[in-house]
């Protein structure tokens, strides 16, 4: 299978849209504002201002802003089946956070089991409370989480290991990331597949903010610092609300911005027999991603991109 449709928006990096698309969006917004009567505009603003900094939870905002669990689980299913000719049943989510992806995994099929691993007890507790409310008792029993280190927690062997939302970028040195990749490989069954996402593009190296308006709040991706010598990048996520309040530095990421070439070389050194890149196409009307991921050996030199890598044990 060479084409995977997932409808995932490019929202997790500093270059999710082209300059042309940003300019078009700004022009449309300006035109709409000029046509609105003042009273009607005020009423619409009041209607949308149902979120404030005081009444919002940063974990919930994160899930609404940057996660697409249903689509990603479907993507994993399709790619895994195209490689192994079977559907996966067991799933390990490293750096699982609120484990919303694991939740989507157990919802997808009654035979699916998910195992989430994360070091942060507070985010695991938040996720546990939320998932208990959302999942059926049967699905909840098939969702297992543990406070542990992704470099050492073994657990059961699984069909799929996933490290999404660029979480493994926390490993800044080659030896550290190689160690993680090697360990992740040991947690897979014989025909298991390791899934990663990654991002880049020339605007990813620029110190700038990107804003995206969502339902009742604005998501801000802040590339605060980038060191071209070490490849280190410091990013923040901020949220602001129609009433003028903000949650500053709701999340901070002190990472290394790895390239796909580096990642594939490391996966090869870690012992994976093959790694395949799935590159997202472009919606030429908007300049953003079109949600269609194809196997690729060459990508577009665009302002921003998101890609997936599937590494076969």
Protein backbone atom coordinates (compact mmCIF):
# COMPACT_ATOMS: atom_id res chain seq x y z
CA UNK A 1 0.00 0.00 0.00
CA UNK A 2 1.51 3.29 -1.06
CA UNK A 3 -1.18 5.80 -0.14
CA UNK A 4 -2.50 6.41 3.37
CA UNK A 5 -5.24 8.99 3.96
CA UNK A 6 -5.31 10.38 7.46
CA UNK A 7 -6.56 13.99 7.38
CA UNK A 8 -4.03 15.11 9.96
CA UNK A 9 -3.53 18.89 9.94
CA UNK A 10 -0.05 20.33 10.04
CA UNK A 11 -0.28 21.96 13.45
CA UNK A 12 2.67 20.77 15.47
CA UNK A 13 5.50 22.74 14.03
CA UNK A 14 6.44 26.33 13.40
CA UNK A 15 5.80 26.09 9.68
CA UNK A 16 2.43 24.50 9.23
CA UNK A 17 1.34 26.73 6.36
CA UNK A 18 3.08 28.55 3.57
CA UNK A 19 3.52 32.34 3.60
CA UNK A 20 1.09 32.54 0.67
CA UNK A 21 -1.56 30.61 2.60
CA UNK A 22 -1.06 32.78 5.69
CA UNK A 23 -1.45 35.92 3.59
CA UNK A 24 -4.65 34.57 2.01
CA UNK A 25 -6.08 33.68 5.42
CA UNK A 26 -5.25 37.12 6.78
CA UNK A 27 -6.85 38.82 3.78
CA UNK A 28 -10.05 36.78 4.17
CA UNK A 29 -10.21 37.54 7.89
CA UNK A 30 -9.73 41.25 7.21
CA UNK A 31 -12.46 41.26 4.58
CA UNK A 32 -14.91 39.57 6.91
CA UNK A 33 -14.20 42.03 9.71
CA UNK A 34 -14.80 45.01 7.43
CA UNK A 35 -18.24 43.70 6.44
CA UNK A 36 -19.53 42.96 9.94
CA UNK A 37 -21.74 45.46 11.73
CA UNK A 38 -20.26 46.30 15.13
CA UNK A 39 -23.16 44.90 17.15
CA UNK A 40 -23.23 41.59 15.27
CA UNK A 41 -19.46 41.25 15.64
CA UNK A 42 -19.70 41.83 19.39
CA UNK A 43 -22.43 39.21 19.77
CA UNK A 44 -20.40 36.63 17.82
CA UNK A 45 -17.29 37.33 19.89
CA UNK A 46 -19.26 36.86 23.10
CA UNK A 47 -20.63 33.56 21.81
CA UNK A 48 -17.14 32.25 21.07
CA UNK A 49 -15.65 33.44 24.36
CA UNK A 50 -16.76 30.40 26.32
CA UNK A 51 -13.18 29.46 27.18
CA UNK A 52 -10.88 31.49 29.41
CA UNK A 53 -7.48 30.80 30.97
CA UNK A 54 -9.11 30.32 34.36
CA UNK A 55 -11.68 27.78 33.12
CA UNK A 56 -9.41 25.82 30.76
CA UNK A 57 -7.19 22.80 31.35
CA UNK A 58 -3.91 22.80 29.44
CA UNK A 59 -3.96 19.02 28.91
CA UNK A 60 -7.40 19.19 27.31
CA UNK A 61 -6.29 22.10 25.12
CA UNK A 62 -3.27 20.10 24.02
CA UNK A 63 -5.41 17.15 22.97
CA UNK A 64 -7.74 19.46 21.05
CA UNK A 65 -4.87 21.34 19.39
CA UNK A 66 -2.33 18.78 18.27
CA UNK A 67 -3.61 15.23 18.59
CA UNK A 68 -5.59 13.21 16.06
CA UNK A 69 -5.73 9.77 17.71
CA UNK A 70 -8.47 8.17 15.63
CA UNK A 71 -6.72 9.03 12.37
CA UNK A 72 -3.31 7.94 13.63
CA UNK A 73 -4.60 4.57 14.84
CA UNK A 74 -6.18 3.99 11.42
CA UNK A 75 -2.88 4.96 9.77
CA UNK A 76 -0.94 2.48 11.93
CA UNK A 77 -3.46 -0.26 11.13
CA UNK A 78 -3.17 0.26 7.38
CA UNK A 79 0.60 0.49 7.28
CA UNK A 80 1.09 -2.49 9.58
CA UNK A 81 -1.27 -4.65 7.52
CA UNK A 82 0.47 -3.59 4.30
CA UNK A 83 3.76 -4.81 5.79
CA UNK A 84 2.69 -7.96 7.64
CA UNK A 85 -0.60 -8.94 5.95
CA UNK A 86 -2.32 -9.01 9.33
CA UNK A 87 -3.89 -6.51 11.73
CA UNK A 88 -2.00 -5.53 14.88
CA UNK A 89 -3.56 -6.20 18.29
CA UNK A 90 -1.02 -5.04 20.87
CA UNK A 91 0.28 -1.50 21.05
CA UNK A 92 2.85 0.30 23.19
CA UNK A 93 2.72 4.09 23.38
CA UNK A 94 6.02 5.49 24.62
CA UNK A 95 5.93 8.99 26.13
CA UNK A 96 2.18 8.38 26.35
CA UNK A 97 1.24 11.47 28.38
CA UNK A 98 -2.56 11.51 28.70
CA UNK A 99 -2.56 8.27 26.63
CA UNK A 100 -5.29 9.42 24.29
CA UNK A 101 -3.68 7.44 21.46
CA UNK A 102 -3.76 4.25 23.54
CA UNK A 103 -7.40 5.01 24.28
CA UNK A 104 -8.18 5.20 20.57
CA UNK A 105 -6.36 1.90 20.10
CA UNK A 106 -8.54 -0.07 22.51
CA UNK A 107 -11.67 1.54 21.08
CA UNK A 108 -10.83 0.43 17.55
CA UNK A 109 -11.22 -3.32 18.16
CA UNK A 110 -12.40 -5.41 21.11
CA UNK A 111 -9.28 -7.57 20.76
CA UNK A 112 -6.85 -4.65 21.04
CA UNK A 113 -4.67 -4.02 24.09
CA UNK A 114 -2.62 -0.88 24.70
CA UNK A 115 0.30 -0.20 27.06
CA UNK A 116 1.31 3.37 27.83
CA UNK A 117 4.66 4.34 29.37
CA UNK A 118 5.50 7.79 30.74
CA UNK A 119 7.69 9.25 33.48
CA UNK A 120 5.27 11.96 34.62
CA UNK A 121 2.80 10.73 37.28
CA UNK A 122 0.66 13.86 37.13
CA UNK A 123 -0.09 13.63 33.42
CA UNK A 124 -0.75 9.89 33.74
CA UNK A 125 -3.22 10.58 36.55
CA UNK A 126 -5.01 13.25 34.50
CA UNK A 127 -5.25 10.88 31.57
CA UNK A 128 -6.47 8.01 33.74
CA UNK A 129 -9.34 10.10 35.09
CA UNK A 130 -10.33 11.29 31.64
CA UNK A 131 -10.10 7.87 29.97
CA UNK A 132 -12.15 6.25 32.72
CA UNK A 133 -14.97 8.68 31.92
CA UNK A 134 -14.72 8.15 28.18
CA UNK A 135 -14.13 4.42 27.78
CA UNK A 136 -16.50 1.52 28.24
CA UNK A 137 -15.57 -0.82 31.11
CA UNK A 138 -14.38 -3.44 28.62
CA UNK A 139 -12.15 -1.04 26.71
CA UNK A 140 -10.81 0.44 29.94
CA UNK A 141 -9.66 -3.00 31.10
CA UNK A 142 -7.58 -3.34 27.94
CA UNK A 143 -5.78 -0.04 28.53
CA UNK A 144 -2.70 -0.41 30.73
CA UNK A 145 -0.42 2.44 31.78
CA UNK A 146 2.70 2.57 33.89
CA UNK A 147 4.96 5.26 35.26
CA UNK A 148 8.27 4.18 33.81
CA UNK A 149 11.28 5.04 31.68
CA UNK A 150 10.99 4.27 27.98
CA UNK A 151 14.69 3.32 28.05
CA UNK A 152 14.24 0.55 30.61
CA UNK A 153 10.60 -0.46 31.15
CA UNK A 154 10.12 -3.83 29.45
CA UNK A 155 6.52 -4.97 29.74
CA UNK A 156 4.97 -7.35 27.22
CA UNK A 157 6.17 -7.73 23.65
CA UNK A 158 3.83 -5.93 21.25
CA UNK A 159 2.98 -5.65 17.57
CA UNK A 160 3.48 -1.90 17.48
CA UNK A 161 5.61 0.59 19.42
CA UNK A 162 4.86 4.27 18.74
CA UNK A 163 6.68 7.43 19.78
CA UNK A 164 4.56 10.31 18.50
CA UNK A 165 4.36 14.08 18.92
CA UNK A 166 8.14 14.18 18.39
CA UNK A 167 8.61 13.14 22.02
CA UNK A 168 11.84 11.24 21.35
CA UNK A 169 13.46 14.53 20.25
CA UNK A 170 14.25 14.87 23.95
CA UNK A 171 17.28 12.66 23.25
CA UNK A 172 19.79 15.20 21.96
CA UNK A 173 22.85 13.00 21.51
CA UNK A 174 23.20 10.33 18.88
CA UNK A 175 24.19 7.70 21.44
CA UNK A 176 21.10 8.48 23.54
CA UNK A 177 18.68 8.20 20.64
CA UNK A 178 20.38 5.05 19.36
CA UNK A 179 19.99 3.50 22.80
CA UNK A 180 16.26 4.28 22.74
CA UNK A 181 15.78 2.89 19.24
CA UNK A 182 17.60 -0.31 20.18
CA UNK A 183 15.47 -0.76 23.28
CA UNK A 184 12.23 -0.04 21.41
CA UNK A 185 13.17 -2.76 18.94
CA UNK A 186 13.50 -5.31 21.77
CA UNK A 187 9.89 -4.63 22.82
CA UNK A 188 8.50 -5.70 19.43
CA UNK A 189 7.34 -9.12 18.36
CA UNK A 190 9.14 -10.82 15.49
CA UNK A 191 7.18 -8.98 12.79
CA UNK A 192 6.59 -5.83 14.83
CA UNK A 193 6.78 -2.27 13.54
CA UNK A 194 8.10 0.88 15.24
CA UNK A 195 6.28 4.10 14.30
CA UNK A 196 7.68 7.62 14.63
CA UNK A 197 6.53 11.02 13.51
CA UNK A 198 8.90 13.85 12.66
CA UNK A 199 8.74 17.42 11.48
CA UNK A 200 10.88 20.00 9.70
CA UNK A 201 10.98 22.57 6.92
CA UNK A 202 12.93 25.76 6.57
CA UNK A 203 10.63 27.76 8.87
CA UNK A 204 11.25 25.21 11.63
CA UNK A 205 14.70 26.73 12.05
CA UNK A 206 13.29 30.26 12.47
CA UNK A 207 12.63 31.86 15.86
CA UNK A 208 9.00 32.84 15.45
CA UNK A 209 5.43 32.26 16.61
CA UNK A 210 2.63 30.59 14.72
CA UNK A 211 -1.00 31.06 15.76
CA UNK A 212 -3.97 28.90 14.88
CA UNK A 213 -7.53 29.74 15.86
CA UNK A 214 -9.57 26.85 17.23
CA UNK A 215 -12.94 26.48 18.92
CA UNK A 216 -12.91 29.10 21.67
CA UNK A 217 -9.15 29.57 21.94
CA UNK A 218 -5.96 30.19 19.98
CA UNK A 219 -3.06 27.75 19.88
CA UNK A 220 0.41 29.32 19.63
CA UNK A 221 3.54 27.39 18.67
CA UNK A 222 6.57 29.40 19.76
CA UNK A 223 10.01 28.50 18.41
CA UNK A 224 11.91 30.47 21.03
CA UNK A 225 15.48 29.39 20.21
CA UNK A 226 17.33 27.40 17.61
CA UNK A 227 21.06 26.58 17.65
CA UNK A 228 22.26 25.64 14.15
CA UNK A 229 25.53 24.24 15.52
CA UNK A 230 24.02 21.69 17.93
CA UNK A 231 20.61 21.35 16.28
CA UNK A 232 18.95 22.14 19.62
CA UNK A 233 15.59 23.89 19.60
CA UNK A 234 13.49 25.35 22.42
CA UNK A 235 9.75 25.40 21.78
CA UNK A 236 6.77 26.51 23.83
CA UNK A 237 3.03 26.10 23.44
CA UNK A 238 0.89 29.02 24.60
CA UNK A 239 -2.88 29.40 24.59
CA UNK A 240 -4.85 32.62 24.45
CA UNK A 241 -8.57 33.25 24.77
CA UNK A 242 -11.15 35.72 23.43
CA UNK A 243 -11.34 37.56 26.76
CA UNK A 244 -7.64 38.44 26.49
CA UNK A 245 -6.37 35.94 29.07
CA UNK A 246 -3.54 33.55 28.26
CA UNK A 247 -1.81 30.40 29.45
CA UNK A 248 1.85 31.13 28.72
CA UNK A 249 4.31 28.25 28.37
CA UNK A 250 1.65 25.64 28.95
CA UNK A 251 4.20 23.20 27.52
CA UNK A 252 7.93 23.58 26.91
CA UNK A 253 10.08 21.32 24.73
CA UNK A 254 13.87 21.35 24.93
CA UNK A 255 14.72 19.18 21.94
CA UNK A 256 17.11 18.41 19.14
CA UNK A 257 15.57 18.87 15.72
CA UNK A 258 16.55 15.60 14.04
CA UNK A 259 16.46 15.18 10.28
CA UNK A 260 14.83 12.22 8.55
CA UNK A 261 18.21 11.13 7.15
CA UNK A 262 19.67 11.01 10.66
CA UNK A 263 16.68 9.09 11.98
CA UNK A 264 16.80 6.47 9.25
CA UNK A 265 20.54 5.98 9.74
CA UNK A 266 20.00 5.51 13.48
CA UNK A 267 17.17 3.04 12.91
CA UNK A 268 19.44 1.08 10.61
CA UNK A 269 22.21 1.09 13.24
CA UNK A 270 19.68 -0.03 15.86
CA UNK A 271 19.04 -3.21 13.88
CA UNK A 272 15.76 -2.49 12.09
CA UNK A 273 15.77 -4.26 8.74
CA UNK A 274 13.94 -1.48 6.91
CA UNK A 275 12.48 1.97 7.55
CA UNK A 276 9.98 3.66 5.26
CA UNK A 277 9.06 7.33 5.15
CA UNK A 278 5.44 8.37 4.61
CA UNK A 279 5.42 11.92 3.25
CA UNK A 280 2.34 14.13 3.29
CA UNK A 281 1.15 15.73 0.09
CA UNK A 282 0.21 19.40 -0.27
CA UNK A 283 -3.23 20.94 -0.62
CA UNK A 284 -2.42 23.53 -3.25
CA UNK A 285 -5.49 25.61 -2.40
CA UNK A 286 -4.35 26.21 1.19
CA UNK A 287 -0.62 25.46 1.16
CA UNK A 288 -1.12 23.03 4.07
CA UNK A 289 -1.10 19.25 4.24
CA UNK A 290 -3.74 17.29 2.33
CA UNK A 291 -3.84 14.35 4.75
CA UNK A 292 -2.52 11.88 2.19
CA UNK A 293 0.73 10.14 3.17
CA UNK A 294 2.67 8.24 0.53
CA UNK A 295 5.82 6.17 0.66
CA UNK A 296 8.58 8.51 -0.40
CA UNK A 297 12.32 8.76 -0.87
CA UNK A 298 12.19 12.43 -1.81
CA UNK A 299 10.21 15.19 -0.12
CA UNK A 300 9.23 18.74 -0.92
CA UNK A 301 11.56 21.52 0.29
CA UNK A 302 8.64 23.39 1.81
CA UNK A 303 8.29 25.76 4.75
CA UNK A 304 6.94 23.05 7.03
CA UNK A 305 6.17 19.38 6.88
CA UNK A 306 5.15 16.40 9.01
CA UNK A 307 6.10 12.85 8.09
CA UNK A 308 5.91 9.35 9.55
CA UNK A 309 8.52 6.61 9.64
CA UNK A 310 7.63 2.93 9.94
CA UNK A 311 10.61 0.77 10.96
CA UNK A 312 10.32 -3.00 10.59
CA UNK A 313 11.98 -5.24 13.14
